[in-house]
Amino acid sequence: MQLKEALIELRKLEKRKFDQSVDLIISLKGIDVKKDNIATIVSIRHKIKDKKICGFLAKKSSLINTITPLDFIKYRDKKPLKELVKEYDFFIASAPLMPQIATAFGKALGPVGKMPSPQLGVLMKDEDAGIAQLIEKINKSIKIRVKEPAVKVSIGKESMSDSALLENAEAVYQGLINVLPTKKENIKSVMLKLTMSKPILVEIK
């Protein structure tokens, strides 16, 4: 079944009292998830939700929750550090602070894939224009980390249009293929589902 047809079928199902997530499940083959260390950030055209973003910046910003170098000492204790990591989806940082950030927060942020990266999260200057641009970019991005042979990614909400969901699905699918060792040959199957529905097997060309 094609993606569009699967979406039509899912919309026929019983309506729930909340805006269900639309999920893409991509099963993989021929991959050693421990050795291959597959991770990527995919840009989507249609924002799903505003992400919770925190910035490690030299000075406080009115656009984003900020941690300045003076605040770093607070996070030497494990409890506030764990709470910080759990609270935010993304962390951005001023480039000159990266060595300090790596020392103070690397062990907590690295293993969960939240360390600010040059790909999406490191600012050359702490200016509002750059911060606003980066926030917008992050809100239209999805992080994918392959930890097991099946990857489940939310591509949107039931309330979004079919065209927006389809474009997001194709972007996620192509983005994952681009970082797989043997591209499409590593794809075993693709399924589409709502939060409360059974998955439907689909084909993406």
N, C-alpha and C. Protein backbone atom coordinates (compact mmCIF):
# COMPACT_ATOMS: atom_id res chain seq x y z
N MET A 1 0.84 -1.19 0.00
CA MET A 1 0.00 0.00 0.00
C MET A 1 0.88 1.25 0.00
N GLN A 2 0.50 2.24 -0.77
CA GLN A 2 1.24 3.49 -0.80
C GLN A 2 0.96 4.31 0.47
N LEU A 3 1.87 5.21 0.78
CA LEU A 3 1.73 6.03 1.98
C LEU A 3 0.39 6.76 2.04
N LYS A 4 0.00 7.38 0.93
CA LYS A 4 -1.24 8.16 0.90
C LYS A 4 -2.44 7.28 1.19
N GLU A 5 -2.46 6.09 0.60
CA GLU A 5 -3.58 5.16 0.82
C GLU A 5 -3.63 4.72 2.28
N ALA A 6 -2.47 4.47 2.87
CA ALA A 6 -2.41 4.06 4.28
C ALA A 6 -2.94 5.16 5.19
N LEU A 7 -2.61 6.40 4.86
CA LEU A 7 -3.07 7.54 5.64
C LEU A 7 -4.59 7.66 5.57
N ILE A 8 -5.15 7.45 4.38
CA ILE A 8 -6.61 7.49 4.20
C ILE A 8 -7.27 6.42 5.07
N GLU A 9 -6.68 5.22 5.08
CA GLU A 9 -7.23 4.12 5.89
C GLU A 9 -7.16 4.44 7.38
N LEU A 10 -6.06 5.02 7.82
CA LEU A 10 -5.90 5.36 9.24
C LEU A 10 -6.91 6.43 9.66
N ARG A 11 -7.23 7.33 8.76
CA ARG A 11 -8.18 8.40 9.09
C ARG A 11 -9.62 7.87 9.20
N LYS A 12 -9.88 6.69 8.68
CA LYS A 12 -11.21 6.09 8.78
C LYS A 12 -11.47 5.46 10.15
N LEU A 13 -10.40 5.26 10.90
CA LEU A 13 -10.53 4.58 12.19
C LEU A 13 -11.23 5.46 13.22
N GLU A 14 -11.63 4.83 14.32
CA GLU A 14 -12.31 5.53 15.40
C GLU A 14 -11.48 6.72 15.89
N LYS A 15 -12.16 7.87 16.01
CA LYS A 15 -11.48 9.07 16.48
C LYS A 15 -11.25 8.99 17.99
N ARG A 16 -10.11 9.44 18.42
CA ARG A 16 -9.77 9.47 19.84
C ARG A 16 -9.98 10.88 20.40
N LYS A 17 -9.88 10.99 21.69
CA LYS A 17 -10.13 12.28 22.34
C LYS A 17 -8.89 13.18 22.37
N PHE A 18 -7.84 12.77 21.68
CA PHE A 18 -6.62 13.58 21.62
C PHE A 18 -6.06 13.54 20.21
N ASP A 19 -5.18 14.47 19.92
CA ASP A 19 -4.55 14.56 18.60
C ASP A 19 -3.44 13.51 18.51
N GLN A 20 -3.74 12.41 17.85
CA GLN A 20 -2.79 11.29 17.81
C GLN A 20 -1.54 11.63 16.99
N SER A 21 -0.46 11.01 17.38
CA SER A 21 0.78 11.11 16.63
C SER A 21 0.71 10.17 15.43
N VAL A 22 1.29 10.60 14.32
CA VAL A 22 1.41 9.74 13.14
C VAL A 22 2.86 9.27 13.09
N ASP A 23 3.06 7.96 13.18
CA ASP A 23 4.41 7.40 13.31
C ASP A 23 4.81 6.58 12.09
N LEU A 24 6.06 6.73 11.72
CA LEU A 24 6.66 5.92 10.68
C LEU A 24 7.59 4.92 11.37
N ILE A 25 7.40 3.63 11.08
CA ILE A 25 8.26 2.60 11.66
C ILE A 25 9.06 1.95 10.53
N ILE A 26 10.37 2.10 10.60
CA ILE A 26 11.25 1.57 9.56
C ILE A 26 12.08 0.43 10.15
N SER A 27 11.82 -0.78 9.67
CA SER A 27 12.59 -1.95 10.12
C SER A 27 13.82 -2.12 9.23
N LEU A 28 14.94 -2.42 9.87
CA LEU A 28 16.21 -2.50 9.15
C LEU A 28 16.76 -3.92 9.11
N LYS A 29 17.65 -4.16 8.17
CA LYS A 29 18.33 -5.46 8.06
C LYS A 29 19.78 -5.23 7.67
N GLY A 30 20.62 -6.22 7.98
CA GLY A 30 22.02 -6.14 7.60
C GLY A 30 22.81 -5.07 8.34
N ILE A 31 22.36 -4.75 9.57
CA ILE A 31 23.02 -3.71 10.34
C ILE A 31 23.34 -4.22 11.74
N ASP A 32 24.54 -3.89 12.21
CA ASP A 32 24.91 -4.16 13.60
C ASP A 32 24.75 -2.84 14.34
N VAL A 33 23.65 -2.70 15.10
CA VAL A 33 23.33 -1.41 15.72
C VAL A 33 24.40 -0.94 16.71
N LYS A 34 25.15 -1.86 17.29
CA LYS A 34 26.19 -1.48 18.24
C LYS A 34 27.45 -0.97 17.53
N LYS A 35 27.78 -1.58 16.41
CA LYS A 35 29.00 -1.21 15.69
C LYS A 35 28.80 -0.05 14.73
N ASP A 36 27.67 -0.04 14.04
CA ASP A 36 27.49 0.93 12.95
C ASP A 36 27.24 2.36 13.42
N ASN A 37 26.70 2.54 14.63
CA ASN A 37 26.50 3.87 15.22
C ASN A 37 25.86 4.85 14.23
N ILE A 38 24.65 4.53 13.82
CA ILE A 38 23.95 5.34 12.81
C ILE A 38 23.10 6.42 13.48
N ALA A 39 23.37 7.66 13.12
CA ALA A 39 22.60 8.79 13.66
C ALA A 39 22.59 9.91 12.63
N THR A 40 21.48 10.64 12.58
CA THR A 40 21.39 11.77 11.66
C THR A 40 20.35 12.77 12.16
N ILE A 41 20.37 13.94 11.58
CA ILE A 41 19.34 14.95 11.83
C ILE A 41 18.67 15.25 10.50
N VAL A 42 17.36 15.05 10.45
CA VAL A 42 16.60 15.22 9.21
C VAL A 42 15.81 16.52 9.27
N SER A 43 15.87 17.30 8.21
CA SER A 43 15.07 18.52 8.11
C SER A 43 13.72 18.18 7.48
N ILE A 44 12.65 18.64 8.12
CA ILE A 44 11.30 18.43 7.58
C ILE A 44 10.70 19.78 7.22
N ARG A 45 9.74 19.77 6.29
CA ARG A 45 9.15 21.04 5.83
C ARG A 45 8.10 21.57 6.80
N HIS A 46 7.46 20.65 7.54
CA HIS A 46 6.32 21.04 8.36
C HIS A 46 6.58 20.73 9.84
N LYS A 47 6.62 21.79 10.63
CA LYS A 47 6.89 21.66 12.07
C LYS A 47 5.82 20.81 12.74
N ILE A 48 6.24 19.91 13.62
CA ILE A 48 5.31 19.07 14.37
C ILE A 48 4.93 19.76 15.68
N LYS A 49 5.93 20.25 16.39
CA LYS A 49 5.70 20.98 17.63
C LYS A 49 6.94 21.81 17.96
N ASP A 50 6.77 22.78 18.85
CA ASP A 50 7.92 23.54 19.31
C ASP A 50 8.72 22.68 20.28
N LYS A 51 10.01 22.56 20.04
CA LYS A 51 10.85 21.76 20.91
C LYS A 51 11.32 22.60 22.10
N LYS A 52 11.63 21.92 23.19
CA LYS A 52 12.17 22.61 24.37
C LYS A 52 13.68 22.73 24.17
N ILE A 53 14.14 23.97 24.04
CA ILE A 53 15.54 24.22 23.70
C ILE A 53 16.20 25.05 24.81
N CYS A 54 17.41 24.69 25.14
CA CYS A 54 18.20 25.41 26.14
C CYS A 54 19.52 25.83 25.49
N GLY A 55 20.02 27.00 25.87
CA GLY A 55 21.26 27.48 25.29
C GLY A 55 22.38 27.66 26.30
N PHE A 56 23.56 27.18 25.96
CA PHE A 56 24.78 27.49 26.73
C PHE A 56 25.40 28.71 26.07
N LEU A 57 25.14 29.88 26.64
CA LEU A 57 25.56 31.13 26.00
C LEU A 57 26.35 32.01 26.97
N ALA A 58 27.12 32.93 26.43
CA ALA A 58 27.93 33.82 27.25
C ALA A 58 27.08 34.79 28.06
N LYS A 59 25.90 35.13 27.52
CA LYS A 59 24.99 36.03 28.23
C LYS A 59 23.55 35.55 28.05
N LYS A 60 22.68 36.00 28.94
CA LYS A 60 21.28 35.59 28.91
C LYS A 60 20.61 36.08 27.62
N SER A 61 19.74 35.24 27.07
CA SER A 61 18.98 35.61 25.88
C SER A 61 17.49 35.64 26.23
N SER A 62 16.78 36.61 25.66
CA SER A 62 15.33 36.71 25.90
C SER A 62 14.55 35.70 25.06
N LEU A 63 15.24 35.06 24.10
CA LEU A 63 14.57 34.14 23.18
C LEU A 63 14.56 32.69 23.67
N ILE A 64 15.42 32.39 24.64
CA ILE A 64 15.64 30.99 24.98
C ILE A 64 16.10 30.87 26.44
N ASN A 65 15.76 29.78 27.08
CA ASN A 65 16.30 29.53 28.43
C ASN A 65 17.81 29.38 28.31
N THR A 66 18.53 30.09 29.14
CA THR A 66 19.98 30.19 28.98
C THR A 66 20.74 29.74 30.22
N ILE A 67 21.84 29.04 29.98
CA ILE A 67 22.79 28.70 31.04
C ILE A 67 24.11 29.38 30.67
N THR A 68 24.56 30.29 31.53
CA THR A 68 25.82 31.00 31.28
C THR A 68 26.95 30.29 32.06
N PRO A 69 28.20 30.59 31.75
CA PRO A 69 29.31 29.94 32.48
C PRO A 69 29.22 30.08 33.99
N LEU A 70 28.63 31.16 34.47
CA LEU A 70 28.48 31.35 35.92
C LEU A 70 27.53 30.31 36.53
N ASP A 71 26.64 29.76 35.69
CA ASP A 71 25.67 28.76 36.17
C ASP A 71 26.24 27.34 36.16
N PHE A 72 27.37 27.14 35.47
CA PHE A 72 27.89 25.78 35.27
C PHE A 72 28.11 25.04 36.59
N ILE A 73 28.57 25.77 37.60
CA ILE A 73 28.91 25.13 38.88
C ILE A 73 27.70 24.42 39.51
N LYS A 74 26.52 24.95 39.26
CA LYS A 74 25.28 24.37 39.81
C LYS A 74 25.08 22.92 39.35
N TYR A 75 25.58 22.63 38.15
CA TYR A 75 25.33 21.31 37.55
C TYR A 75 26.43 20.29 37.83
N ARG A 76 27.28 20.62 38.81
CA ARG A 76 28.26 19.62 39.25
C ARG A 76 27.56 18.50 40.02
N ASP A 77 26.43 18.84 40.63
CA ASP A 77 25.62 17.83 41.32
C ASP A 77 24.83 17.03 40.29
N LYS A 78 24.76 15.73 40.50
CA LYS A 78 24.12 14.85 39.52
C LYS A 78 22.62 15.10 39.35
N LYS A 79 21.94 15.45 40.45
CA LYS A 79 20.48 15.60 40.38
C LYS A 79 20.06 16.74 39.45
N PRO A 80 20.55 17.98 39.64
CA PRO A 80 20.15 19.04 38.71
C PRO A 80 20.61 18.78 37.28
N LEU A 81 21.75 18.09 37.12
CA LEU A 81 22.25 17.76 35.79
C LEU A 81 21.30 16.78 35.08
N LYS A 82 20.86 15.76 35.81
CA LYS A 82 19.90 14.79 35.24
C LYS A 82 18.59 15.45 34.87
N GLU A 83 18.13 16.35 35.74
CA GLU A 83 16.87 17.06 35.48
C GLU A 83 16.98 17.95 34.25
N LEU A 84 18.13 18.59 34.08
CA LEU A 84 18.38 19.45 32.92
C LEU A 84 18.33 18.65 31.63
N VAL A 85 19.01 17.53 31.61
CA VAL A 85 19.07 16.68 30.42
C VAL A 85 17.67 16.17 30.05
N LYS A 86 16.90 15.83 31.06
CA LYS A 86 15.55 15.30 30.84
C LYS A 86 14.57 16.37 30.36
N GLU A 87 14.77 17.59 30.85
CA GLU A 87 13.80 18.68 30.59
C GLU A 87 13.81 19.17 29.15
N TYR A 88 14.99 19.18 28.50
CA TYR A 88 15.11 19.79 27.18
C TYR A 88 15.34 18.77 26.06
N ASP A 89 14.77 19.10 24.88
CA ASP A 89 14.93 18.24 23.69
C ASP A 89 16.24 18.52 22.98
N PHE A 90 16.63 19.79 22.97
CA PHE A 90 17.82 20.23 22.22
C PHE A 90 18.63 21.21 23.05
N PHE A 91 19.93 21.20 22.85
CA PHE A 91 20.82 22.19 23.47
C PHE A 91 21.62 22.86 22.38
N ILE A 92 21.70 24.20 22.46
CA ILE A 92 22.55 24.92 21.53
C ILE A 92 23.66 25.59 22.34
N ALA A 93 24.70 26.03 21.66
CA ALA A 93 25.84 26.58 22.39
C ALA A 93 26.61 27.60 21.59
N SER A 94 27.24 28.52 22.30
CA SER A 94 28.18 29.46 21.69
C SER A 94 29.50 28.71 21.45
N ALA A 95 30.02 28.81 20.25
CA ALA A 95 31.23 28.05 19.87
C ALA A 95 32.40 28.21 20.85
N PRO A 96 32.72 29.44 21.31
CA PRO A 96 33.86 29.59 22.23
C PRO A 96 33.68 28.84 23.56
N LEU A 97 32.44 28.55 23.93
CA LEU A 97 32.19 27.86 25.20
C LEU A 97 32.25 26.33 25.10
N MET A 98 32.36 25.82 23.88
CA MET A 98 32.27 24.37 23.68
C MET A 98 33.26 23.54 24.51
N PRO A 99 34.52 23.95 24.68
CA PRO A 99 35.43 23.16 25.53
C PRO A 99 34.93 23.04 26.97
N GLN A 100 34.43 24.16 27.52
CA GLN A 100 33.88 24.14 28.88
C GLN A 100 32.62 23.29 28.98
N ILE A 101 31.79 23.39 27.95
CA ILE A 101 30.54 22.62 27.93
C ILE A 101 30.84 21.13 27.86
N ALA A 102 31.82 20.77 27.04
CA ALA A 102 32.20 19.36 26.91
C ALA A 102 32.67 18.80 28.25
N THR A 103 33.44 19.60 28.98
CA THR A 103 33.95 19.18 30.29
C THR A 103 32.83 19.05 31.32
N ALA A 104 31.96 20.05 31.37
CA ALA A 104 30.93 20.11 32.41
C ALA A 104 29.70 19.25 32.12
N PHE A 105 29.35 19.13 30.83
CA PHE A 105 28.07 18.49 30.48
C PHE A 105 28.19 17.30 29.51
N GLY A 106 29.37 17.10 28.96
CA GLY A 106 29.56 16.07 27.93
C GLY A 106 29.13 14.68 28.33
N LYS A 107 29.49 14.26 29.56
CA LYS A 107 29.19 12.90 30.01
C LYS A 107 27.68 12.68 30.16
N ALA A 108 26.94 13.75 30.41
CA ALA A 108 25.49 13.63 30.57
C ALA A 108 24.75 13.78 29.24
N LEU A 109 25.20 14.72 28.41
CA LEU A 109 24.51 15.00 27.15
C LEU A 109 24.92 14.06 26.01
N GLY A 110 26.19 13.65 26.00
CA GLY A 110 26.70 12.81 24.91
C GLY A 110 25.94 11.50 24.72
N PRO A 111 25.80 10.68 25.78
CA PRO A 111 25.14 9.38 25.62
C PRO A 111 23.68 9.44 25.15
N VAL A 112 23.01 10.57 25.38
CA VAL A 112 21.60 10.68 24.96
C VAL A 112 21.45 11.49 23.67
N GLY A 113 22.58 11.81 23.04
CA GLY A 113 22.55 12.48 21.75
C GLY A 113 22.10 13.94 21.81
N LYS A 114 22.34 14.61 22.95
CA LYS A 114 21.89 15.99 23.10
C LYS A 114 23.02 17.02 23.16
N MET A 115 24.23 16.57 22.95
CA MET A 115 25.37 17.50 22.96
C MET A 115 25.26 18.45 21.76
N PRO A 116 25.41 19.77 21.97
CA PRO A 116 25.38 20.69 20.82
C PRO A 116 26.40 20.27 19.77
N SER A 117 25.98 20.29 18.51
CA SER A 117 26.88 19.84 17.45
C SER A 117 27.00 20.89 16.36
N PRO A 118 28.10 20.88 15.61
CA PRO A 118 28.25 21.83 14.49
C PRO A 118 27.14 21.68 13.46
N GLN A 119 26.59 20.46 13.34
CA GLN A 119 25.53 20.21 12.36
C GLN A 119 24.26 21.00 12.70
N LEU A 120 23.94 21.06 13.99
CA LEU A 120 22.73 21.78 14.39
C LEU A 120 22.82 22.12 15.88
N GLY A 121 23.40 23.27 16.17
CA GLY A 121 23.43 23.62 17.58
C GLY A 121 24.56 24.51 18.05
N VAL A 122 25.57 24.78 17.21
CA VAL A 122 26.68 25.61 17.63
C VAL A 122 26.63 26.96 16.91
N LEU A 123 26.63 28.02 17.71
CA LEU A 123 26.56 29.39 17.19
C LEU A 123 27.94 30.03 17.20
N MET A 124 28.28 30.73 16.14
CA MET A 124 29.55 31.45 16.13
C MET A 124 29.44 32.74 16.94
N LYS A 125 28.23 33.33 16.96
CA LYS A 125 28.00 34.56 17.73
C LYS A 125 26.71 34.45 18.53
N ASP A 126 26.71 34.99 19.76
CA ASP A 126 25.51 34.99 20.60
C ASP A 126 24.61 36.17 20.23
N GLU A 127 24.05 36.15 19.05
CA GLU A 127 23.18 37.23 18.61
C GLU A 127 21.76 36.72 18.43
N ASP A 128 20.77 37.58 18.77
CA ASP A 128 19.38 37.16 18.70
C ASP A 128 18.97 36.66 17.31
N ALA A 129 19.46 37.30 16.27
CA ALA A 129 19.09 36.91 14.91
C ALA A 129 19.52 35.46 14.63
N GLY A 130 20.76 35.15 15.01
CA GLY A 130 21.28 33.79 14.81
C GLY A 130 20.57 32.78 15.68
N ILE A 131 20.26 33.17 16.92
CA ILE A 131 19.56 32.27 17.84
C ILE A 131 18.16 31.98 17.32
N ALA A 132 17.44 33.01 16.85
CA ALA A 132 16.08 32.84 16.32
C ALA A 132 16.08 31.93 15.09
N GLN A 133 17.08 32.11 14.23
CA GLN A 133 17.21 31.29 13.02
C GLN A 133 17.45 29.83 13.39
N LEU A 134 18.30 29.62 14.39
CA LEU A 134 18.62 28.26 14.81
C LEU A 134 17.42 27.58 15.48
N ILE A 135 16.67 28.33 16.26
CA ILE A 135 15.46 27.78 16.90
C ILE A 135 14.47 27.31 15.84
N GLU A 136 14.28 28.12 14.81
CA GLU A 136 13.36 27.76 13.73
C GLU A 136 13.83 26.49 13.01
N LYS A 137 15.12 26.41 12.79
CA LYS A 137 15.70 25.25 12.11
C LYS A 137 15.53 23.98 12.96
N ILE A 138 15.77 24.11 14.27
CA ILE A 138 15.64 22.96 15.18
C ILE A 138 14.19 22.48 15.23
N ASN A 139 13.24 23.42 15.23
CA ASN A 139 11.82 23.05 15.29
C ASN A 139 11.34 22.33 14.03
N LYS A 140 12.14 22.41 12.96
CA LYS A 140 11.81 21.68 11.74
C LYS A 140 12.84 20.58 11.49
N SER A 141 13.36 20.03 12.56
CA SER A 141 14.35 18.96 12.46
C SER A 141 13.96 17.78 13.33
N ILE A 142 14.35 16.59 12.91
CA ILE A 142 14.11 15.37 13.68
C ILE A 142 15.42 14.62 13.84
N LYS A 143 15.76 14.31 15.08
CA LYS A 143 16.95 13.51 15.34
C LYS A 143 16.61 12.03 15.23
N ILE A 144 17.43 11.29 14.53
CA ILE A 144 17.25 9.83 14.43
C ILE A 144 18.51 9.15 14.92
N ARG A 145 18.37 8.28 15.90
CA ARG A 145 19.50 7.47 16.37
C ARG A 145 19.06 6.01 16.31
N VAL A 146 19.81 5.20 15.58
CA VAL A 146 19.46 3.78 15.42
C VAL A 146 20.03 2.99 16.59
N LYS A 147 19.15 2.61 17.53
CA LYS A 147 19.57 1.85 18.70
C LYS A 147 19.13 0.39 18.63
N GLU A 148 18.17 0.11 17.74
CA GLU A 148 17.68 -1.25 17.56
C GLU A 148 17.28 -1.43 16.10
N PRO A 149 16.97 -2.65 15.66
CA PRO A 149 16.71 -2.90 14.23
C PRO A 149 15.45 -2.25 13.67
N ALA A 150 14.65 -1.59 14.50
CA ALA A 150 13.48 -0.86 14.00
C ALA A 150 13.51 0.56 14.54
N VAL A 151 13.28 1.52 13.66
CA VAL A 151 13.30 2.93 14.04
C VAL A 151 11.88 3.48 13.98
N LYS A 152 11.41 4.04 15.08
CA LYS A 152 10.08 4.64 15.12
C LYS A 152 10.22 6.15 15.23
N VAL A 153 9.63 6.86 14.27
CA VAL A 153 9.77 8.32 14.23
C VAL A 153 8.40 8.96 14.05
N SER A 154 8.09 9.95 14.87
CA SER A 154 6.85 10.71 14.69
C SER A 154 7.04 11.67 13.53
N ILE A 155 6.13 11.60 12.55
CA ILE A 155 6.23 12.50 11.39
C ILE A 155 5.20 13.62 11.45
N GLY A 156 4.39 13.62 12.52
CA GLY A 156 3.40 14.68 12.64
C GLY A 156 2.24 14.27 13.53
N LYS A 157 1.19 15.08 13.46
CA LYS A 157 -0.02 14.85 14.23
C LYS A 157 -1.20 14.61 13.28
N GLU A 158 -2.19 13.90 13.79
CA GLU A 158 -3.39 13.56 13.01
C GLU A 158 -4.06 14.81 12.44
N SER A 159 -3.96 15.92 13.17
CA SER A 159 -4.61 17.17 12.75
C SER A 159 -3.92 17.84 11.56
N MET A 160 -2.71 17.41 11.23
CA MET A 160 -1.99 17.99 10.10
C MET A 160 -2.56 17.49 8.79
N SER A 161 -2.34 18.23 7.71
CA SER A 161 -2.87 17.83 6.40
C SER A 161 -2.14 16.60 5.87
N ASP A 162 -2.81 15.89 4.96
CA ASP A 162 -2.19 14.72 4.35
C ASP A 162 -0.88 15.08 3.65
N SER A 163 -0.91 16.19 2.92
CA SER A 163 0.28 16.57 2.15
C SER A 163 1.47 16.86 3.07
N ALA A 164 1.20 17.52 4.23
CA ALA A 164 2.28 17.81 5.18
C ALA A 164 2.84 16.54 5.77
N LEU A 165 1.97 15.61 6.14
CA LEU A 165 2.42 14.33 6.72
C LEU A 165 3.21 13.51 5.71
N LEU A 166 2.75 13.50 4.46
CA LEU A 166 3.44 12.73 3.42
C LEU A 166 4.83 13.32 3.14
N GLU A 167 4.93 14.63 3.10
CA GLU A 167 6.23 15.27 2.85
C GLU A 167 7.20 15.01 4.00
N ASN A 168 6.68 15.06 5.23
CA ASN A 168 7.53 14.77 6.39
C ASN A 168 7.98 13.31 6.38
N ALA A 169 7.06 12.40 6.03
CA ALA A 169 7.39 10.97 5.99
C ALA A 169 8.48 10.69 4.97
N GLU A 170 8.35 11.29 3.81
CA GLU A 170 9.35 11.05 2.75
C GLU A 170 10.71 11.64 3.12
N ALA A 171 10.69 12.79 3.81
CA ALA A 171 11.95 13.41 4.24
C ALA A 171 12.66 12.53 5.27
N VAL A 172 11.89 11.98 6.22
CA VAL A 172 12.47 11.10 7.25
C VAL A 172 13.02 9.83 6.60
N TYR A 173 12.25 9.24 5.72
CA TYR A 173 12.66 8.00 5.04
C TYR A 173 13.95 8.22 4.25
N GLN A 174 13.98 9.28 3.46
CA GLN A 174 15.16 9.55 2.64
C GLN A 174 16.36 9.93 3.49
N GLY A 175 16.10 10.68 4.56
CA GLY A 175 17.17 11.09 5.46
C GLY A 175 17.84 9.90 6.13
N LEU A 176 17.04 8.89 6.51
CA LEU A 176 17.61 7.69 7.12
C LEU A 176 18.37 6.87 6.09
N ILE A 177 17.81 6.71 4.91
CA ILE A 177 18.48 5.95 3.85
C ILE A 177 19.87 6.52 3.55
N ASN A 178 19.96 7.84 3.55
CA ASN A 178 21.23 8.51 3.22
C ASN A 178 22.38 8.13 4.15
N VAL A 179 22.06 7.71 5.39
CA VAL A 179 23.13 7.37 6.34
C VAL A 179 23.26 5.86 6.58
N LEU A 180 22.47 5.07 5.88
CA LEU A 180 22.59 3.61 6.01
C LEU A 180 23.75 3.10 5.16
N PRO A 181 24.46 2.08 5.63
CA PRO A 181 25.65 1.58 4.91
C PRO A 181 25.37 1.19 3.46
N THR A 182 24.28 0.44 3.22
CA THR A 182 23.96 0.04 1.85
C THR A 182 22.61 0.58 1.39
N LYS A 183 22.27 1.76 1.94
CA LYS A 183 21.08 2.52 1.53
C LYS A 183 19.80 1.67 1.59
N LYS A 184 19.04 1.62 0.46
CA LYS A 184 17.73 0.94 0.48
C LYS A 184 17.83 -0.56 0.78
N GLU A 185 18.99 -1.13 0.53
CA GLU A 185 19.17 -2.57 0.80
C GLU A 185 19.08 -2.87 2.29
N ASN A 186 19.28 -1.85 3.13
CA ASN A 186 19.17 -2.02 4.58
C ASN A 186 17.74 -1.88 5.10
N ILE A 187 16.80 -1.55 4.21
CA ILE A 187 15.40 -1.40 4.62
C ILE A 187 14.67 -2.74 4.49
N LYS A 188 14.15 -3.21 5.59
CA LYS A 188 13.39 -4.47 5.59
C LYS A 188 11.92 -4.21 5.31
N SER A 189 11.34 -3.24 6.03
CA SER A 189 9.93 -2.89 5.82
C SER A 189 9.65 -1.51 6.38
N VAL A 190 8.55 -0.91 5.92
CA VAL A 190 8.12 0.40 6.41
C VAL A 190 6.64 0.31 6.78
N MET A 191 6.29 0.85 7.93
CA MET A 191 4.89 0.84 8.37
C MET A 191 4.48 2.23 8.85
N LEU A 192 3.19 2.50 8.74
CA LEU A 192 2.61 3.76 9.20
C LEU A 192 1.54 3.45 10.23
N LYS A 193 1.48 4.24 11.30
CA LYS A 193 0.46 4.01 12.32
C LYS A 193 0.12 5.30 13.07
N LEU A 194 -1.03 5.28 13.72
CA LEU A 194 -1.39 6.32 14.67
C LEU A 194 -1.04 5.82 16.06
N THR A 195 -1.04 6.71 17.03
CA THR A 195 -0.70 6.33 18.41
C THR A 195 -1.46 5.08 18.86
N MET A 196 -2.77 5.05 18.59
CA MET A 196 -3.62 3.97 19.10
C MET A 196 -4.04 2.94 18.05
N SER A 197 -3.39 2.97 16.89
CA SER A 197 -3.78 2.03 15.83
C SER A 197 -2.73 0.95 15.62
N LYS A 198 -3.12 -0.06 14.89
CA LYS A 198 -2.16 -1.07 14.45
C LYS A 198 -1.42 -0.51 13.23
N PRO A 199 -0.16 -0.92 13.03
CA PRO A 199 0.59 -0.40 11.89
C PRO A 199 0.13 -0.99 10.56
N ILE A 200 0.26 -0.19 9.51
CA ILE A 200 -0.08 -0.62 8.14
C ILE A 200 1.21 -0.65 7.33
N LEU A 201 1.45 -1.75 6.66
CA LEU A 201 2.64 -1.92 5.82
C LEU A 201 2.52 -1.02 4.60
N VAL A 202 3.57 -0.25 4.32
CA VAL A 202 3.53 0.68 3.18
C VAL A 202 4.78 0.55 2.32
N GLU A 203 4.66 1.11 1.12
CA GLU A 203 5.80 1.19 0.21
C GLU A 203 6.14 2.66 -0.01
N ILE A 204 7.41 2.98 0.02
CA ILE A 204 7.86 4.34 -0.31
C ILE A 204 8.85 4.21 -1.44
N LYS A 205 8.57 4.88 -2.56
CA LYS A 205 9.46 4.76 -3.72
C LYS A 205 10.59 5.76 -3.63
